C-alpha atoms as a PDB file:
ATOM      1  CA  MET A   1     -95.448  55.157-166.624  1.00  0.00           C
ATOM      2  CA  LYS A   2     -97.736  52.204-166.504  1.00  0.00           C
ATOM      3  CA  SER A   3     -97.205  49.703-163.775  1.00  0.00           C
ATOM      4  CA  ASN A   4     -98.116  46.036-163.483  1.00  0.00           C
ATOM      5  CA  ALA A   5     -97.685  46.328-159.720  1.00  0.00           C
ATOM      6  CA  THR A   6    -100.403  46.709-157.073  1.00  0.00           C
ATOM      7  CA  HIS A   7    -100.141  48.240-153.687  1.00  0.00           C
ATOM      8  CA  ASP A   8    -100.978  44.871-151.600  1.00  0.00           C
ATOM      9  CA  ASP A   9     -99.295  42.577-154.127  1.00  0.00           C
ATOM     10  CA  ASP A  10     -96.656  40.940-151.833  1.00  0.00           C
ATOM     11  CA  ARG A  11     -94.580  40.033-155.140  1.00  0.00           C
ATOM     12  CA  PHE A  12     -93.809  43.622-155.452  1.00  0.00           C
ATOM     13  CA  THR A  13     -93.818  44.945-151.874  1.00  0.00           C
ATOM     14  CA  LEU A  14     -92.633  42.203-149.435  1.00  0.00           C
ATOM     15  CA  GLY A  15     -89.013  41.557-148.827  1.00  0.00           C
ATOM     16  CA  ILE A  16     -87.849  38.292-148.973  1.00  0.00           C
ATOM     17  CA  LEU A  17     -84.206  38.122-148.871  1.00  0.00           C
ATOM     18  CA  ASN A  18     -81.504  40.474-148.092  1.00  0.00           C
ATOM     19  CA  MET A  19     -79.212  41.468-151.153  1.00  0.00           C
ATOM     20  CA  ALA A  20     -76.340  39.205-149.969  1.00  0.00           C
ATOM     21  CA  ASP A  21     -78.490  36.221-149.688  1.00  0.00           C
ATOM     22  CA  ALA A  22     -80.113  37.081-153.101  1.00  0.00           C
ATOM     23  CA  ALA A  23     -76.760  37.389-154.717  1.00  0.00           C
ATOM     24  CA  ARG A  24     -76.011  34.125-153.611  1.00  0.00           C
ATOM     25  CA  PHE A  25     -78.750  32.264-154.994  1.00  0.00           C
ATOM     26  CA  LEU A  26     -78.356  34.280-158.161  1.00  0.00           C
ATOM     27  CA  ALA A  27     -74.778  32.630-158.124  1.00  0.00           C
ATOM     28  CA  ILE A  28     -73.624  36.625-158.530  1.00  0.00           C
ATOM     29  CA  LYS A  29     -71.428  38.822-157.162  1.00  0.00           C
ATOM     30  CA  ARG A  30     -72.805  40.488-153.898  1.00  0.00           C
ATOM     31  CA  GLN A  31     -71.178  43.924-155.484  1.00  0.00           C
ATOM     32  CA  THR A  32     -72.807  43.183-158.761  1.00  0.00           C
ATOM     33  CA  PHE A  33     -76.087  42.750-157.035  1.00  0.00           C
ATOM     34  CA  HIS A  34     -75.703  45.970-155.124  1.00  0.00           C
ATOM     35  CA  ARG A  35     -74.994  47.891-158.018  1.00  0.00           C
ATOM     36  CA  TRP A  36     -78.097  46.868-159.906  1.00  0.00           C
ATOM     37  CA  ALA A  37     -80.062  47.776-156.545  1.00  0.00           C
ATOM     38  CA  LYS A  38     -78.717  51.384-156.483  1.00  0.00           C
ATOM     39  CA  ASP A  39     -78.906  54.285-159.059  1.00  0.00           C
ATOM     40  CA  TYR A  40     -77.075  54.157-161.935  1.00  0.00           C
ATOM     41  CA  GLU A  41     -75.135  56.933-163.749  1.00  0.00           C
ATOM     42  CA  ARG A  42     -77.660  57.246-166.373  1.00  0.00           C
ATOM     43  CA  GLY A  43     -81.034  56.683-164.803  1.00  0.00           C
ATOM     44  CA  ASP A  44     -82.723  54.878-161.476  1.00  0.00           C
ATOM     45  CA  ALA A  45     -81.704  51.508-160.219  1.00  0.00           C
ATOM     46  CA  LEU A  46     -81.857  48.578-162.349  1.00  0.00           C
ATOM     47  CA  ILE A  47     -84.471  46.482-160.106  1.00  0.00           C
ATOM     48  CA  HIS A  48     -87.074  47.383-157.947  1.00  0.00           C
ATOM     49  CA  VAL A  49     -85.838  46.750-154.240  1.00  0.00           C
ATOM     50  CA  VAL A  50     -88.156  47.640-151.382  1.00  0.00           C
ATOM     51  CA  ALA A  51     -87.138  49.916-148.225  1.00  0.00           C
ATOM     52  CA  ALA A  52     -85.752  48.048-145.159  1.00  0.00           C
ATOM     53  CA  PRO A  53     -83.406  48.765-142.477  1.00  0.00           C
ATOM     54  CA  ALA A  54     -79.309  47.869-143.469  1.00  0.00           C
ATOM     55  CA  ARG A  55     -78.826  43.910-143.982  1.00  0.00           C
ATOM     56  CA  LYS A  56     -82.579  43.439-143.626  1.00  0.00           C
ATOM     57  CA  ALA A  57     -84.725  41.653-146.364  1.00  0.00           C
ATOM     58  CA  ASN A  58     -85.490  44.082-149.007  1.00  0.00           C
ATOM     59  CA  VAL A  59     -85.625  42.390-152.389  1.00  0.00           C
ATOM     60  CA  SER A  60     -88.746  41.286-153.266  1.00  0.00           C
ATOM     61  CA  PHE A  61     -89.748  38.309-155.096  1.00  0.00           C
ATOM     62  CA  ILE A  62     -90.070  40.564-158.241  1.00  0.00           C
ATOM     63  CA  ALA A  63     -86.565  42.351-157.664  1.00  0.00           C
ATOM     64  CA  LEU A  64     -85.061  38.640-157.387  1.00  0.00           C
ATOM     65  CA  THR A  65     -86.580  37.914-160.858  1.00  0.00           C
ATOM     66  CA  GLU A  66     -85.408  41.349-162.412  1.00  0.00           C
ATOM     67  CA  ALA A  67     -81.933  40.578-161.238  1.00  0.00           C
ATOM     68  CA  TYR A  68     -82.203  36.747-162.633  1.00  0.00           C
ATOM     69  CA  VAL A  69     -83.361  38.163-166.080  1.00  0.00           C
ATOM     70  CA  LEU A  70     -80.396  40.818-165.795  1.00  0.00           C
ATOM     71  CA  GLU A  71     -78.137  37.883-165.533  1.00  0.00           C
ATOM     72  CA  ALA A  72     -79.654  36.234-168.459  1.00  0.00           C
ATOM     73  CA  LEU A  73     -78.781  39.069-170.484  1.00  0.00           C
ATOM     74  CA  ARG A  74     -75.353  39.631-169.151  1.00  0.00           C
ATOM     75  CA  ASP A  75     -74.667  35.835-170.053  1.00  0.00           C
ATOM     76  CA  ALA A  76     -75.950  36.410-173.660  1.00  0.00           C
ATOM     77  CA  GLY A  77     -73.697  39.314-174.343  1.00  0.00           C
ATOM     78  CA  VAL A  78     -75.500  42.760-173.204  1.00  0.00           C
ATOM     79  CA  HIS A  79     -73.334  44.910-171.365  1.00  0.00           C
ATOM     80  CA  ILE A  80     -75.561  45.712-168.383  1.00  0.00           C
ATOM     81  CA  ARG A  81     -74.014  48.845-167.543  1.00  0.00           C
ATOM     82  CA  ARG A  82     -75.059  50.531-170.461  1.00  0.00           C
ATOM     83  CA  ILE A  83     -78.574  48.971-170.331  1.00  0.00           C
ATOM     84  CA  ARG A  84     -80.521  51.886-168.340  1.00  0.00           C
ATOM     85  CA  PRO A  85     -81.528  53.664-171.782  1.00  0.00           C
ATOM     86  CA  ALA A  86     -82.356  50.464-173.109  1.00  0.00           C
ATOM     87  CA  LEU A  87     -84.701  49.961-170.450  1.00  0.00           C
ATOM     88  CA  ASP A  88     -86.727  53.349-170.829  1.00  0.00           C
ATOM     89  CA  ALA A  89     -86.908  52.096-174.477  1.00  0.00           C
ATOM     90  CA  LEU A  90     -88.461  48.911-173.364  1.00  0.00           C
ATOM     91  CA  GLN A  91     -90.789  50.459-171.080  1.00  0.00           C
ATOM     92  CA  LYS A  92     -92.400  52.524-173.865  1.00  0.00           C
ATOM     93  CA  GLU A  93     -92.678  50.009-175.968  1.00  0.00           C
ATOM     94  CA  PHE A  94     -94.293  47.503-173.713  1.00  0.00           C
ATOM     95  CA  GLY A  95     -96.231  50.231-171.703  1.00  0.00           C
ATOM     96  CA  ARG A  96     -95.170  48.597-168.497  1.00  0.00           C
ATOM     97  CA  GLU A  97     -92.699  49.656-165.632  1.00  0.00           C
ATOM     98  CA  TYR A  98     -91.396  46.112-164.826  1.00  0.00           C
ATOM     99  CA  VAL A  99     -90.315  44.972-168.278  1.00  0.00           C
ATOM    100  CA  LEU A 100     -87.851  42.686-167.004  1.00  0.00           C
ATOM    101  CA  THR A 101     -90.430  40.482-165.815  1.00  0.00           C
ATOM    102  CA  ALA A 102     -92.470  40.598-169.057  1.00  0.00           C
ATOM    103  CA  PRO A 103     -93.011  36.997-170.992  1.00  0.00           C
ATOM    104  CA  ASN A 104     -92.267  38.578-174.094  1.00  0.00           C
ATOM    105  CA  LEU A 105     -88.742  39.874-173.383  1.00  0.00           C
ATOM    106  CA  ALA A 106     -87.003  37.207-174.797  1.00  0.00           C
ATOM    107  CA  THR A 107     -89.392  37.664-178.487  1.00  0.00           C
ATOM    108  CA  ASP A 108     -90.366  41.246-178.646  1.00  0.00           C
ATOM    109  CA  GLY A 109     -87.807  42.532-176.179  1.00  0.00           C
ATOM    110  CA  ILE A 110     -84.818  41.265-177.944  1.00  0.00           C
ATOM    111  CA  ASP A 111     -85.812  42.994-181.185  1.00  0.00           C
ATOM    112  CA  VAL A 112     -86.241  46.306-179.073  1.00  0.00           C
ATOM    113  CA  LEU A 113     -82.785  45.966-177.496  1.00  0.00           C
ATOM    114  CA  TRP A 114     -81.096  44.740-180.861  1.00  0.00           C
ATOM    115  CA  ASP A 115     -82.572  47.946-182.586  1.00  0.00           C
ATOM    116  CA  PHE A 116     -81.507  50.212-179.863  1.00  0.00           C
ATOM    117  CA  SER A 117     -78.124  48.974-179.750  1.00  0.00           C
ATOM    118  CA  LYS A 118     -77.734  49.921-183.307  1.00  0.00           C
ATOM    119  CA  SER A 119     -78.830  53.825-182.518  1.00  0.00           C
ATOM    120  CA  ARG A 120     -76.515  56.354-181.215  1.00  0.00           C
ATOM    121  CA  ALA A 121     -78.173  56.036-177.968  1.00  0.00           C
ATOM    122  CA  GLY A 122     -77.585  52.272-177.642  1.00  0.00           C
ATOM    123  CA  ALA A 123     -73.765  52.374-178.958  1.00  0.00           C
ATOM    124  CA  GLY A 124     -71.916  49.686-177.233  1.00  0.00           C
ATOM    125  CA  LEU A 125     -75.021  47.929-175.719  1.00  0.00           C
ATOM    126  CA  ILE A 126     -74.275  44.513-177.042  1.00  0.00           C
ATOM    127  CA  GLU A 127     -71.013  42.699-177.460  1.00  0.00           C
ATOM    128  CA  ALA A 128     -69.653  42.225-181.093  1.00  0.00           C
ATOM    129  CA  ARG A 129     -69.381  38.774-181.184  1.00  0.00           C
ATOM    130  CA  SER A 130     -73.149  38.328-179.967  1.00  0.00           C
ATOM    131  CA  GLY A 131     -75.672  37.847-182.674  1.00  0.00           C
ATOM    132  CA  GLN A 132     -79.581  38.528-182.451  1.00  0.00           C
ATOM    133  CA  ASN A 133     -80.812  34.732-182.216  1.00  0.00           C
ATOM    134  CA  VAL A 134     -78.058  33.794-180.029  1.00  0.00           C
ATOM    135  CA  ILE A 135     -79.183  36.157-177.206  1.00  0.00           C
ATOM    136  CA  ARG A 136     -82.908  35.220-178.098  1.00  0.00           C
ATOM    137  CA  GLU A 137     -81.863  31.722-177.471  1.00  0.00           C
ATOM    138  CA  ILE A 138     -80.315  32.421-174.037  1.00  0.00           C
ATOM    139  CA  VAL A 139     -82.576  34.712-172.703  1.00  0.00           C
ATOM    140  CA  GLN A 140     -85.515  32.156-173.630  1.00  0.00           C
ATOM    141  CA  ASP A 141     -83.624  29.414-171.808  1.00  0.00           C
ATOM    142  CA  TYR A 142     -83.307  31.426-168.697  1.00  0.00           C
ATOM    143  CA  ILE A 143     -86.947  32.440-168.703  1.00  0.00           C
ATOM    144  CA  GLN A 144     -87.988  29.204-169.214  1.00  0.00           C
ATOM    145  CA  TYR A 145     -87.770  28.655-165.468  1.00  0.00           C
ATOM    146  CA  ILE A 146     -90.161  31.684-164.858  1.00  0.00           C
ATOM    147  CA  SER A 147     -94.072  30.916-164.509  1.00  0.00           C
ATOM    148  CA  TRP A 148     -96.248  34.062-164.943  1.00  0.00           C
ATOM    149  CA  ASP A 149    -100.054  34.498-164.009  1.00  0.00           C
ATOM    150  CA  GLY A 150    -103.042  35.408-166.340  1.00  0.00           C
ATOM    151  CA  GLY A 151    -102.157  39.136-165.742  1.00  0.00           C
ATOM    152  CA  ASP A 152     -98.285  38.330-167.185  1.00  0.00           C
ATOM    153  CA  VAL A 153     -96.914  38.874-163.656  1.00  0.00           C
ATOM    154  CA  PRO A 154     -94.281  35.890-162.401  1.00  0.00           C
ATOM    155  CA  TYR A 155     -95.522  33.999-159.348  1.00  0.00           C
ATOM    156  CA  GLN A 156     -92.521  31.329-159.573  1.00  0.00           C
ATOM    157  CA  LEU A 157     -88.943  31.021-160.239  1.00  0.00           C
ATOM    158  CA  GLU A 158     -86.929  28.109-160.469  1.00  0.00           C
ATOM    159  CA  LEU A 159     -83.432  28.790-160.143  1.00  0.00           C
ATOM    160  CA  ARG A 160     -81.552  27.295-163.046  1.00  0.00           C
ATOM    161  CA  GLN A 161     -78.000  28.170-161.460  1.00  0.00           C
ATOM    162  CA  TRP A 162     -78.335  25.070-159.000  1.00  0.00           C
ATOM    163  CA  ALA A 163     -79.630  22.433-161.579  1.00  0.00           C
ATOM    164  CA  PRO A 164     -80.138  19.763-161.272  1.00  0.00           C
ATOM    165  CA  ALA A 165     -81.362  20.385-157.653  1.00  0.00           C
ATOM    166  CA  LYS A 166     -84.286  22.163-158.149  1.00  0.00           C
ATOM    167  CA  VAL A 167     -84.727  25.561-156.125  1.00  0.00           C
ATOM    168  CA  VAL A 168     -87.631  27.228-156.285  1.00  0.00           C
ATOM    169  CA  VAL A 169     -88.938  30.548-155.018  1.00  0.00           C
ATOM    170  CA  ASP A 170     -92.584  31.265-154.928  1.00  0.00           C
ATOM    171  CA  PRO A 171     -93.841  33.692-152.669  1.00  0.00           C
ATOM    172  CA  ARG A 172     -97.153  31.838-152.308  1.00  0.00           C
ATOM    173  CA  TYR A 173     -95.527  29.310-150.039  1.00  0.00           C
ATOM    174  CA  GLY A 174     -93.146  29.664-146.984  1.00  0.00           C
ATOM    175  CA  PHE A 175     -93.118  33.672-147.388  1.00  0.00           C
ATOM    176  CA  GLY A 176     -91.010  33.084-150.665  1.00  0.00           C
ATOM    177  CA  GLN A 177     -88.005  31.644-148.814  1.00  0.00           C
ATOM    178  CA  PRO A 178     -85.993  29.688-151.388  1.00  0.00           C
ATOM    179  CA  ARG A 179     -87.098  25.827-151.196  1.00  0.00           C
ATOM    180  CA  PHE A 180     -85.830  22.205-152.808  1.00  0.00           C
ATOM    181  CA  GLY A 181     -89.292  22.009-154.713  1.00  0.00           C
ATOM    182  CA  THR A 182     -92.467  24.008-153.990  1.00  0.00           C
ATOM    183  CA  ALA A 183     -93.302  21.964-150.780  1.00  0.00           C
ATOM    184  CA  GLY A 184     -89.630  20.949-149.641  1.00  0.00           C
ATOM    185  CA  PRO A 185     -87.410  22.382-147.003  1.00  0.00           C
ATOM    186  CA  ARG A 186     -86.026  25.858-146.759  1.00  0.00           C
ATOM    187  CA  VAL A 187     -82.664  25.921-148.274  1.00  0.00           C
ATOM    188  CA  ALA A 188     -81.550  28.115-145.205  1.00  0.00           C
ATOM    189  CA  ASP A 189     -82.888  25.550-143.029  1.00  0.00           C
ATOM    190  CA  VAL A 190     -80.823  22.815-144.552  1.00  0.00           C
ATOM    191  CA  ALA A 191     -77.597  25.080-144.337  1.00  0.00           C
ATOM    192  CA  ALA A 192     -78.130  25.910-140.717  1.00  0.00           C
ATOM    193  CA  MET A 193     -78.325  22.042-139.725  1.00  0.00           C
ATOM    194  CA  LEU A 194     -75.184  21.984-141.989  1.00  0.00           C
ATOM    195  CA  ARG A 195     -73.523  24.984-140.161  1.00  0.00           C
ATOM    196  CA  ALA A 196     -74.388  23.454-136.495  1.00  0.00           C
ATOM    197  CA  GLY A 197     -72.036  20.404-137.763  1.00  0.00           C
ATOM    198  CA  GLU A 198     -74.332  17.684-138.709  1.00  0.00           C
ATOM    199  CA  PRO A 199     -73.044  15.426-141.312  1.00  0.00           C
ATOM    200  CA  GLY A 200     -74.633  15.637-145.004  1.00  0.00           C
ATOM    201  CA  GLU A 201     -76.173  11.951-144.439  1.00  0.00           C
ATOM    202  CA  VAL A 202     -77.763  13.161-141.455  1.00  0.00           C
ATOM    203  CA  VAL A 203     -79.009  16.224-142.958  1.00  0.00           C
ATOM    204  CA  ALA A 204     -80.590  14.730-145.902  1.00  0.00           C
ATOM    205  CA  ASP A 205     -82.319  12.196-143.933  1.00  0.00           C
ATOM    206  CA  GLU A 206     -83.587  14.817-141.491  1.00  0.00           C
ATOM    207  CA  PHE A 207     -85.343  16.737-144.183  1.00  0.00           C
ATOM    208  CA  GLY A 208     -86.136  13.813-146.620  1.00  0.00           C
ATOM    209  CA  ILE A 209     -83.893  14.882-149.296  1.00  0.00           C
ATOM    210  CA  SER A 210     -81.065  13.869-151.611  1.00  0.00           C
ATOM    211  CA  ARG A 211     -77.406  14.478-150.823  1.00  0.00           C
ATOM    212  CA  GLU A 212     -77.072  16.319-154.364  1.00  0.00           C
ATOM    213  CA  GLU A 213     -79.653  18.803-152.633  1.00  0.00           C
ATOM    214  CA  VAL A 214     -77.774  18.951-149.373  1.00  0.00           C
ATOM    215  CA  ARG A 215     -74.489  19.919-151.077  1.00  0.00           C
ATOM    216  CA  THR A 216     -76.402  22.666-153.207  1.00  0.00           C
ATOM    217  CA  ALA A 217     -77.195  24.242-149.913  1.00  0.00           C
ATOM    218  CA  ALA A 218     -73.804  24.171-148.780  1.00  0.00           C
ATOM    219  CA  ARG A 219     -72.621  25.736-151.663  1.00  0.00           C
ATOM    220  CA  VAL A 220     -75.527  28.289-152.016  1.00  0.00           C
ATOM    221  CA  LEU A 221     -75.346  29.322-148.206  1.00  0.00           C
ATOM    222  CA  LEU A 222     -72.009  28.131-146.924  1.00  0.00           C
ATOM    223  CA  GLY A 223     -69.651  28.296-149.508  1.00  0.00           C
ATOM    224  CA  ARG A 224     -68.401  24.954-149.349  1.00  0.00           C
ATOM    225  CA  ALA A 225     -68.995  21.234-149.783  1.00  0.00           C
ATOM    226  CA  ALA A 226     -70.797  19.120-147.496  1.00  0.00           C
END
């Protein structure tokens, strides 16, 4: 299988988050993220995490983006537990391994998934209530927050789950740690100051961010209001 990764591309090889934090930033259950990162009954894992000691950062930027797109597909009515064979079909169609990060997933990719769902192998892949155009629109809404380079590899991801706050993941800055805006403070640093007991107003003033962004940091990493 052709791969669009290179051995020295940190987007693929460098862990930026552990799975627990990655799940929090994507606003999905931790068990769900773990399940996507492990081998499925019907094939390999759905996302490409990297090797790392337990509880250490093993979610690369690409793996985080893959999980983000899986959540888009799930939101659109695709049954993720049945998607492994469909991903194999997409890999054959696109000629690349990292099909979940392909910029044409919301167009050509949805056509492939839809056709596959009508086959015997793809039975049960898509909820009966979901139409092809609805799936395409939902996935397009998600992936507009992904930016790709000239090689069709993602280089930046904005986490739409935390709008109106702009939480950005960009491996070119700050070792890929989620930040408020490209040049803003790390979400983890804001949460750490809140965890230390500082009032939200003081934290906002310290980092030069809005109270809404402070509240977002508290919700994402502390699971509470601020």
